[in-house]
C-alpha atoms as a PDB file:
ATOM      1  CA  UNK A   1      71.196 105.191 115.420  1.00  0.00           C
ATOM      2  CA  UNK A   2      69.133 108.171 114.170  1.00  0.00           C
ATOM      3  CA  UNK A   3      65.366 108.019 114.531  1.00  0.00           C
ATOM      4  CA  UNK A   4      63.230 108.998 111.554  1.00  0.00           C
ATOM      5  CA  UNK A   5      62.426 112.471 112.859  1.00  0.00           C
ATOM      6  CA  UNK A   6      66.109 113.328 113.425  1.00  0.00           C
ATOM      7  CA  UNK A   7      66.988 111.959 109.994  1.00  0.00           C
ATOM      8  CA  UNK A   8      64.233 114.062 108.419  1.00  0.00           C
ATOM      9  CA  UNK A   9      65.554 117.215 110.081  1.00  0.00           C
ATOM     10  CA  UNK A  10      69.092 116.389 108.922  1.00  0.00           C
ATOM     11  CA  UNK A  11      67.878 115.887 105.333  1.00  0.00           C
ATOM     12  CA  UNK A  12      66.024 119.201 105.489  1.00  0.00           C
ATOM     13  CA  UNK A  13      69.164 121.030 106.587  1.00  0.00           C
ATOM     14  CA  UNK A  14      71.405 119.370 103.975  1.00  0.00           C
ATOM     15  CA  UNK A  15      68.965 119.839 101.088  1.00  0.00           C
ATOM     16  CA  UNK A  16      68.331 123.427 102.209  1.00  0.00           C
ATOM     17  CA  UNK A  17      72.057 124.207 102.146  1.00  0.00           C
ATOM     18  CA  UNK A  18      72.332 122.689  98.667  1.00  0.00           C
ATOM     19  CA  UNK A  19      69.347 124.766  97.528  1.00  0.00           C
ATOM     20  CA  UNK A  20      70.943 127.927  98.960  1.00  0.00           C
ATOM     21  CA  UNK A  21      74.294 127.075  97.371  1.00  0.00           C
ATOM     22  CA  UNK A  22      72.593 126.667  93.998  1.00  0.00           C
ATOM     23  CA  UNK A  23      70.797 130.014  94.352  1.00  0.00           C
ATOM     24  CA  UNK A  24      74.082 131.780  95.062  1.00  0.00           C
ATOM     25  CA  UNK A  25      75.941 130.028  92.219  1.00  0.00           C
ATOM     26  CA  UNK A  26      73.268 131.016  89.706  1.00  0.00           C
ATOM     27  CA  UNK A  27      74.355 134.631  90.023  1.00  0.00           C
ATOM     28  CA  UNK A  28      77.922 133.874  88.997  1.00  0.00           C
ATOM     29  CA  UNK A  29      77.955 130.823  86.722  1.00  0.00           C
ATOM     30  CA  UNK A  30      78.003 131.260  82.970  1.00  0.00           C
ATOM     31  CA  UNK A  31      74.900 130.451  80.884  1.00  0.00           C
ATOM     32  CA  UNK A  32      74.750 126.805  79.873  1.00  0.00           C
ATOM     33  CA  UNK A  33      77.137 125.646  82.608  1.00  0.00           C
ATOM     34  CA  UNK A  34      76.401 122.163  83.913  1.00  0.00           C
ATOM     35  CA  UNK A  35      74.937 121.826  87.371  1.00  0.00           C
ATOM     36  CA  UNK A  36      76.377 119.226  89.738  1.00  0.00           C
ATOM     37  CA  UNK A  37      73.887 116.338  90.091  1.00  0.00           C
ATOM     38  CA  UNK A  38      74.062 116.428  93.893  1.00  0.00           C
ATOM     39  CA  UNK A  39      73.231 120.126  94.002  1.00  0.00           C
ATOM     40  CA  UNK A  40      70.403 119.588  91.523  1.00  0.00           C
ATOM     41  CA  UNK A  41      69.003 116.715  93.610  1.00  0.00           C
ATOM     42  CA  UNK A  42      69.140 118.727  96.828  1.00  0.00           C
ATOM     43  CA  UNK A  43      67.459 121.686  95.147  1.00  0.00           C
ATOM     44  CA  UNK A  44      64.652 119.464  93.869  1.00  0.00           C
ATOM     45  CA  UNK A  45      64.041 117.588  97.128  1.00  0.00           C
ATOM     46  CA  UNK A  46      64.206 120.550  99.503  1.00  0.00           C
ATOM     47  CA  UNK A  47      60.558 121.759  99.206  1.00  0.00           C
ATOM     48  CA  UNK A  48      59.228 118.186  99.358  1.00  0.00           C
ATOM     49  CA  UNK A  49      61.231 117.366 102.502  1.00  0.00           C
ATOM     50  CA  UNK A  50      60.143 120.617 104.157  1.00  0.00           C
ATOM     51  CA  UNK A  51      56.466 119.795 103.553  1.00  0.00           C
ATOM     52  CA  UNK A  52      56.908 116.252 104.937  1.00  0.00           C
ATOM     53  CA  UNK A  53      58.715 117.597 108.018  1.00  0.00           C
ATOM     54  CA  UNK A  54      56.035 120.205 108.753  1.00  0.00           C
ATOM     55  CA  UNK A  55      53.137 117.779 108.308  1.00  0.00           C
ATOM     56  CA  UNK A  56      54.760 114.988 110.345  1.00  0.00           C
ATOM     57  CA  UNK A  57      56.073 117.207 113.145  1.00  0.00           C
ATOM     58  CA  UNK A  58      53.130 119.535 113.672  1.00  0.00           C
ATOM     59  CA  UNK A  59      49.955 118.142 112.091  1.00  0.00           C
ATOM     60  CA  UNK A  60      49.642 114.360 111.700  1.00  0.00           C
ATOM     61  CA  UNK A  61      51.967 111.367 112.041  1.00  0.00           C
ATOM     62  CA  UNK A  62      51.448 107.707 111.069  1.00  0.00           C
ATOM     63  CA  UNK A  63      52.092 104.891 113.545  1.00  0.00           C
ATOM     64  CA  UNK A  64      51.832 101.110 113.422  1.00  0.00           C
ATOM     65  CA  UNK A  65      50.300  99.169 116.335  1.00  0.00           C
ATOM     66  CA  UNK A  66      52.824  96.470 117.373  1.00  0.00           C
ATOM     67  CA  UNK A  67      50.867  94.508 120.002  1.00  0.00           C
ATOM     68  CA  UNK A  68      47.428  93.594 121.332  1.00  0.00           C
ATOM     69  CA  UNK A  69      47.497  95.765 124.463  1.00  0.00           C
ATOM     70  CA  UNK A  70      44.735  97.996 123.070  1.00  0.00           C
ATOM     71  CA  UNK A  71      42.380  95.215 121.949  1.00  0.00           C
ATOM     72  CA  UNK A  72      39.578  95.345 120.984  1.00  0.00           C
ATOM     73  CA  UNK A  73      39.974  99.026 120.013  1.00  0.00           C
ATOM     74  CA  UNK A  74      43.239  98.524 118.117  1.00  0.00           C
ATOM     75  CA  UNK A  75      44.754  95.343 116.745  1.00  0.00           C
ATOM     76  CA  UNK A  76      48.377  94.465 116.030  1.00  0.00           C
ATOM     77  CA  UNK A  77      49.015  95.497 112.447  1.00  0.00           C
ATOM     78  CA  UNK A  78      46.702  98.518 112.469  1.00  0.00           C
ATOM     79  CA  UNK A  79      48.260 101.584 110.857  1.00  0.00           C
ATOM     80  CA  UNK A  80      46.878 104.715 112.471  1.00  0.00           C
ATOM     81  CA  UNK A  81      47.052 108.481 112.151  1.00  0.00           C
ATOM     82  CA  UNK A  82      47.821 110.647 115.173  1.00  0.00           C
ATOM     83  CA  UNK A  83      46.764 114.270 115.555  1.00  0.00           C
ATOM     84  CA  UNK A  84      49.848 116.121 116.826  1.00  0.00           C
ATOM     85  CA  UNK A  85      48.195 119.532 116.729  1.00  0.00           C
ATOM     86  CA  UNK A  86      45.675 119.091 119.523  1.00  0.00           C
ATOM     87  CA  UNK A  87      48.141 118.701 122.398  1.00  0.00           C
ATOM     88  CA  UNK A  88      50.242 121.733 121.435  1.00  0.00           C
ATOM     89  CA  UNK A  89      52.981 122.417 118.903  1.00  0.00           C
ATOM     90  CA  UNK A  90      56.378 120.941 119.809  1.00  0.00           C
ATOM     91  CA  UNK A  91      59.749 121.352 118.155  1.00  0.00           C
ATOM     92  CA  UNK A  92      61.050 118.354 116.183  1.00  0.00           C
ATOM     93  CA  UNK A  93      63.702 116.218 117.931  1.00  0.00           C
ATOM     94  CA  UNK A  94      63.878 118.318 121.154  1.00  0.00           C
ATOM     95  CA  UNK A  95      60.072 118.178 121.746  1.00  0.00           C
ATOM     96  CA  UNK A  96      60.148 121.609 123.405  1.00  0.00           C
ATOM     97  CA  UNK A  97      56.703 123.211 123.611  1.00  0.00           C
ATOM     98  CA  UNK A  98      56.300 126.004 121.044  1.00  0.00           C
ATOM     99  CA  UNK A  99      52.597 126.827 121.379  1.00  0.00           C
ATOM    100  CA  UNK A 100      50.177 125.428 124.016  1.00  0.00           C
ATOM    101  CA  UNK A 101      47.033 124.808 121.962  1.00  0.00           C
ATOM    102  CA  UNK A 102      45.004 122.194 123.832  1.00  0.00           C
ATOM    103  CA  UNK A 103      45.046 119.613 126.584  1.00  0.00           C
ATOM    104  CA  UNK A 104      44.310 115.881 126.635  1.00  0.00           C
ATOM    105  CA  UNK A 105      40.834 114.714 127.607  1.00  0.00           C
ATOM    106  CA  UNK A 106      39.894 111.748 129.732  1.00  0.00           C
ATOM    107  CA  UNK A 107      39.320 108.816 127.403  1.00  0.00           C
ATOM    108  CA  UNK A 108      41.710 109.922 124.661  1.00  0.00           C
ATOM    109  CA  UNK A 109      43.695 107.164 122.952  1.00  0.00           C
ATOM    110  CA  UNK A 110      47.100 108.830 123.146  1.00  0.00           C
ATOM    111  CA  UNK A 111      50.533 108.155 121.704  1.00  0.00           C
ATOM    112  CA  UNK A 112      53.369 109.133 124.042  1.00  0.00           C
ATOM    113  CA  UNK A 113      57.063 108.645 124.612  1.00  0.00           C
ATOM    114  CA  UNK A 114      57.604 105.782 127.059  1.00  0.00           C
ATOM    115  CA  UNK A 115      58.733 107.339 130.378  1.00  0.00           C
ATOM    116  CA  UNK A 116      61.434 104.707 130.948  1.00  0.00           C
ATOM    117  CA  UNK A 117      62.808 104.997 127.408  1.00  0.00           C
ATOM    118  CA  UNK A 118      61.686 108.166 125.583  1.00  0.00           C
ATOM    119  CA  UNK A 119      63.035 106.732 122.329  1.00  0.00           C
ATOM    120  CA  UNK A 120      60.054 104.338 122.250  1.00  0.00           C
ATOM    121  CA  UNK A 121      56.487 105.329 121.422  1.00  0.00           C
ATOM    122  CA  UNK A 122      53.592 103.716 123.316  1.00  0.00           C
ATOM    123  CA  UNK A 123      49.844 103.989 122.852  1.00  0.00           C
ATOM    124  CA  UNK A 124      47.259 103.688 125.659  1.00  0.00           C
ATOM    125  CA  UNK A 125      44.030 105.292 126.825  1.00  0.00           C
ATOM    126  CA  UNK A 126      44.125 108.202 129.262  1.00  0.00           C
ATOM    127  CA  UNK A 127      42.012 107.229 132.282  1.00  0.00           C
ATOM    128  CA  UNK A 128      43.396 109.516 134.990  1.00  0.00           C
ATOM    129  CA  UNK A 129      43.859 113.296 134.815  1.00  0.00           C
ATOM    130  CA  UNK A 130      46.185 115.350 137.046  1.00  0.00           C
ATOM    131  CA  UNK A 131      44.907 115.218 140.634  1.00  0.00           C
ATOM    132  CA  UNK A 132      42.602 112.230 140.084  1.00  0.00           C
ATOM    133  CA  UNK A 133      42.484 109.298 142.454  1.00  0.00           C
ATOM    134  CA  UNK A 134      42.420 106.217 140.246  1.00  0.00           C
ATOM    135  CA  UNK A 135      41.360 102.916 141.827  1.00  0.00           C
ATOM    136  CA  UNK A 136      41.107  99.491 140.185  1.00  0.00           C
ATOM    137  CA  UNK A 137      39.135  96.847 142.069  1.00  0.00           C
ATOM    138  CA  UNK A 138      37.443  93.645 140.884  1.00  0.00           C
ATOM    139  CA  UNK A 139      38.471  94.630 137.336  1.00  0.00           C
ATOM    140  CA  UNK A 140      36.478  97.869 137.630  1.00  0.00           C
ATOM    141  CA  UNK A 141      37.854 101.393 137.336  1.00  0.00           C
ATOM    142  CA  UNK A 142      36.918 103.907 140.019  1.00  0.00           C
ATOM    143  CA  UNK A 143      37.756 107.585 139.404  1.00  0.00           C
ATOM    144  CA  UNK A 144      37.614 109.932 142.406  1.00  0.00           C
ATOM    145  CA  UNK A 145      35.406 107.486 144.281  1.00  0.00           C
ATOM    146  CA  UNK A 146      32.922 106.949 141.433  1.00  0.00           C
ATOM    147  CA  UNK A 147      32.880 103.589 139.654  1.00  0.00           C
ATOM    148  CA  UNK A 148      32.703 103.826 135.878  1.00  0.00           C
ATOM    149  CA  UNK A 149      29.512 102.557 134.274  1.00  0.00           C
ATOM    150  CA  UNK A 150      30.038  99.246 132.461  1.00  0.00           C
ATOM    151  CA  UNK A 151      27.885  96.996 130.296  1.00  0.00           C
ATOM    152  CA  UNK A 152      28.758  93.313 129.711  1.00  0.00           C
ATOM    153  CA  UNK A 153      29.025  92.234 126.059  1.00  0.00           C
ATOM    154  CA  UNK A 154      29.702  88.516 126.458  1.00  0.00           C
ATOM    155  CA  UNK A 155      32.706  86.408 125.541  1.00  0.00           C
ATOM    156  CA  UNK A 156      35.285  87.633 123.089  1.00  0.00           C
ATOM    157  CA  UNK A 157      35.395  85.233 120.164  1.00  0.00           C
ATOM    158  CA  UNK A 158      39.133  85.625 119.462  1.00  0.00           C
ATOM    159  CA  UNK A 159      40.491  84.371 122.805  1.00  0.00           C
ATOM    160  CA  UNK A 160      39.635  81.879 125.560  1.00  0.00           C
ATOM    161  CA  UNK A 161      38.687  83.363 128.909  1.00  0.00           C
ATOM    162  CA  UNK A 162      38.254  86.929 127.627  1.00  0.00           C
ATOM    163  CA  UNK A 163      35.080  88.919 128.136  1.00  0.00           C
ATOM    164  CA  UNK A 164      34.156  92.186 126.459  1.00  0.00           C
ATOM    165  CA  UNK A 165      32.648  95.163 128.214  1.00  0.00           C
ATOM    166  CA  UNK A 166      31.495  98.622 127.292  1.00  0.00           C
ATOM    167  CA  UNK A 167      32.910 101.205 129.681  1.00  0.00           C
ATOM    168  CA  UNK A 168      31.915 104.855 130.023  1.00  0.00           C
ATOM    169  CA  UNK A 169      34.911 107.109 130.521  1.00  0.00           C
ATOM    170  CA  UNK A 170      34.023 110.775 130.587  1.00  0.00           C
ATOM    171  CA  UNK A 171      31.136 111.307 128.176  1.00  0.00           C
ATOM    172  CA  UNK A 172      31.988 108.472 125.787  1.00  0.00           C
ATOM    173  CA  UNK A 173      31.718 104.700 125.733  1.00  0.00           C
ATOM    174  CA  UNK A 174      34.484 102.382 124.560  1.00  0.00           C
ATOM    175  CA  UNK A 175      35.129  98.636 124.604  1.00  0.00           C
ATOM    176  CA  UNK A 176      37.565  96.827 126.904  1.00  0.00           C
ATOM    177  CA  UNK A 177      38.665  93.233 127.465  1.00  0.00           C
ATOM    178  CA  UNK A 178      39.128  91.473 130.801  1.00  0.00           C
ATOM    179  CA  UNK A 179      40.433  87.954 131.366  1.00  0.00           C
ATOM    180  CA  UNK A 180      38.503  85.773 133.779  1.00  0.00           C
ATOM    181  CA  UNK A 181      41.481  83.798 135.117  1.00  0.00           C
ATOM    182  CA  UNK A 182      43.914  86.698 135.510  1.00  0.00           C
ATOM    183  CA  UNK A 183      44.451  88.157 139.007  1.00  0.00           C
ATOM    184  CA  UNK A 184      42.625  91.352 139.853  1.00  0.00           C
ATOM    185  CA  UNK A 185      45.845  93.416 140.253  1.00  0.00           C
ATOM    186  CA  UNK A 186      43.960  96.053 142.241  1.00  0.00           C
ATOM    187  CA  UNK A 187      45.565  99.386 143.171  1.00  0.00           C
ATOM    188  CA  UNK A 188      44.855 102.965 144.159  1.00  0.00           C
ATOM    189  CA  UNK A 189      46.917 105.905 142.872  1.00  0.00           C
ATOM    190  CA  UNK A 190      46.731 109.702 142.955  1.00  0.00           C
ATOM    191  CA  UNK A 191      47.909 111.230 139.688  1.00  0.00           C
ATOM    192  CA  UNK A 192      50.564 113.952 140.170  1.00  0.00           C
ATOM    193  CA  UNK A 193      50.299 117.413 138.654  1.00  0.00           C
ATOM    194  CA  UNK A 194      51.085 117.632 134.907  1.00  0.00           C
ATOM    195  CA  UNK A 195      50.956 113.841 134.544  1.00  0.00           C
ATOM    196  CA  UNK A 196      48.400 111.340 133.212  1.00  0.00           C
ATOM    197  CA  UNK A 197      47.474 107.793 134.165  1.00  0.00           C
ATOM    198  CA  UNK A 198      47.146 105.526 131.125  1.00  0.00           C
ATOM    199  CA  UNK A 199      45.868 101.966 130.676  1.00  0.00           C
ATOM    200  CA  UNK A 200      45.456  99.563 127.776  1.00  0.00           C
ATOM    201  CA  UNK A 201      41.937  98.515 126.786  1.00  0.00           C
ATOM    202  CA  UNK A 202      43.133  94.891 127.012  1.00  0.00           C
ATOM    203  CA  UNK A 203      43.207  95.315 130.773  1.00  0.00           C
ATOM    204  CA  UNK A 204      44.902  92.046 131.750  1.00  0.00           C
ATOM    205  CA  UNK A 205      47.418  92.046 128.880  1.00  0.00           C
ATOM    206  CA  UNK A 206      48.827  95.556 128.970  1.00  0.00           C
ATOM    207  CA  UNK A 207      52.005  97.121 130.315  1.00  0.00           C
ATOM    208  CA  UNK A 208      50.853 100.566 131.401  1.00  0.00           C
ATOM    209  CA  UNK A 209      50.823 103.091 134.266  1.00  0.00           C
ATOM    210  CA  UNK A 210      49.964 100.334 136.735  1.00  0.00           C
ATOM    211  CA  UNK A 211      53.509  99.006 136.277  1.00  0.00           C
ATOM    212  CA  UNK A 212      55.732 101.972 135.348  1.00  0.00           C
ATOM    213  CA  UNK A 213      53.849 105.035 136.547  1.00  0.00           C
ATOM    214  CA  UNK A 214      52.079 108.029 134.981  1.00  0.00           C
ATOM    215  CA  UNK A 215      53.041 109.814 131.759  1.00  0.00           C
ATOM    216  CA  UNK A 216      54.419 113.386 132.048  1.00  0.00           C
ATOM    217  CA  UNK A 217      52.574 116.020 130.007  1.00  0.00           C
ATOM    218  CA  UNK A 218      55.630 116.770 127.871  1.00  0.00           C
ATOM    219  CA  UNK A 219      55.875 113.079 126.812  1.00  0.00           C
ATOM    220  CA  UNK A 220      52.507 113.153 125.034  1.00  0.00           C
ATOM    221  CA  UNK A 221      52.827 113.032 121.243  1.00  0.00           C
ATOM    222  CA  UNK A 222      49.223 113.228 120.072  1.00  0.00           C
ATOM    223  CA  UNK A 223      45.767 111.681 119.911  1.00  0.00           C
ATOM    224  CA  UNK A 224      45.103 108.642 117.706  1.00  0.00           C
ATOM    225  CA  UNK A 225      42.015 109.227 115.571  1.00  0.00           C
ATOM    226  CA  UNK A 226      41.951 107.086 112.406  1.00  0.00           C
ATOM    227  CA  UNK A 227      42.851 103.593 111.115  1.00  0.00           C
ATOM    228  CA  UNK A 228      43.984 104.033 107.519  1.00  0.00           C
ATOM    229  CA  UNK A 229      45.319 100.499 106.985  1.00  0.00           C
ATOM    230  CA  UNK A 230      45.154  97.179 108.825  1.00  0.00           C
ATOM    231  CA  UNK A 231      47.610  94.481 107.786  1.00  0.00           C
ATOM    232  CA  UNK A 232      48.620  91.447 109.841  1.00  0.00           C
ATOM    233  CA  UNK A 233      49.610  88.750 107.381  1.00  0.00           C
ATOM    234  CA  UNK A 234      47.050  90.188 104.988  1.00  0.00           C
ATOM    235  CA  UNK A 235      44.594  93.078 104.677  1.00  0.00           C
ATOM    236  CA  UNK A 236      41.713  93.456 107.106  1.00  0.00           C
ATOM    237  CA  UNK A 237      39.305  95.488 105.014  1.00  0.00           C
ATOM    238  CA  UNK A 238      36.668  95.802 107.734  1.00  0.00           C
ATOM    239  CA  UNK A 239      38.985  97.881 109.952  1.00  0.00           C
ATOM    240  CA  UNK A 240      40.253 100.294 107.324  1.00  0.00           C
ATOM    241  CA  UNK A 241      38.720 103.749 107.507  1.00  0.00           C
ATOM    242  CA  UNK A 242      37.513 103.416 111.115  1.00  0.00           C
ATOM    243  CA  UNK A 243      37.616 106.312 113.538  1.00  0.00           C
ATOM    244  CA  UNK A 244      39.239 105.514 116.882  1.00  0.00           C
ATOM    245  CA  UNK A 245      36.936 105.957 119.897  1.00  0.00           C
END
């Protein structure tokens, strides 16, 4: 089954060929001759499809959050925009690097292709950079021997046993959830070169690098930056228009 990006490329090629065919035929057909409806449709759609392909492949792409692994930052049903420009330009479908523009930062909420199945897109927060030693102990993150600063925020109202914290990762603060009754699941891991260690903000309800390893650099899709719609059985107006920290 074709994914949307492959289908978009295929439509661009087909509509482009129809547009080219029409341009060539114009030189030889008699005035007033009828144009085949399929050729006319392809000619009309070609510039629109090209614009959509360029924007989606190189600038910004919409995604929908399917689960609660990034609570409280992102909720299931949030529709987000992802900046695909900041991590470098990549070719559609093949994902080959065209132009290295920028690198991920610690703390970015990143969309990436799941290492065990690159056909799936995941979203997590980057906590470990290449070469970092990442340790998790007593539900606290330690990066290169330095424990991250945290501030308790009390119980989370939407779930029993969950507590909210503010956590400082890099220069910025963000919110995380921990579950009081869940096991600590402590570990220590050194991030390989050109790979990134990612974790969900819902620390005890997230499948992330703790379970399937780091994310290679060439699997990164882009940085999530904006919630443009939130819909889970109905609209959540308070979340729409929020920037993603």
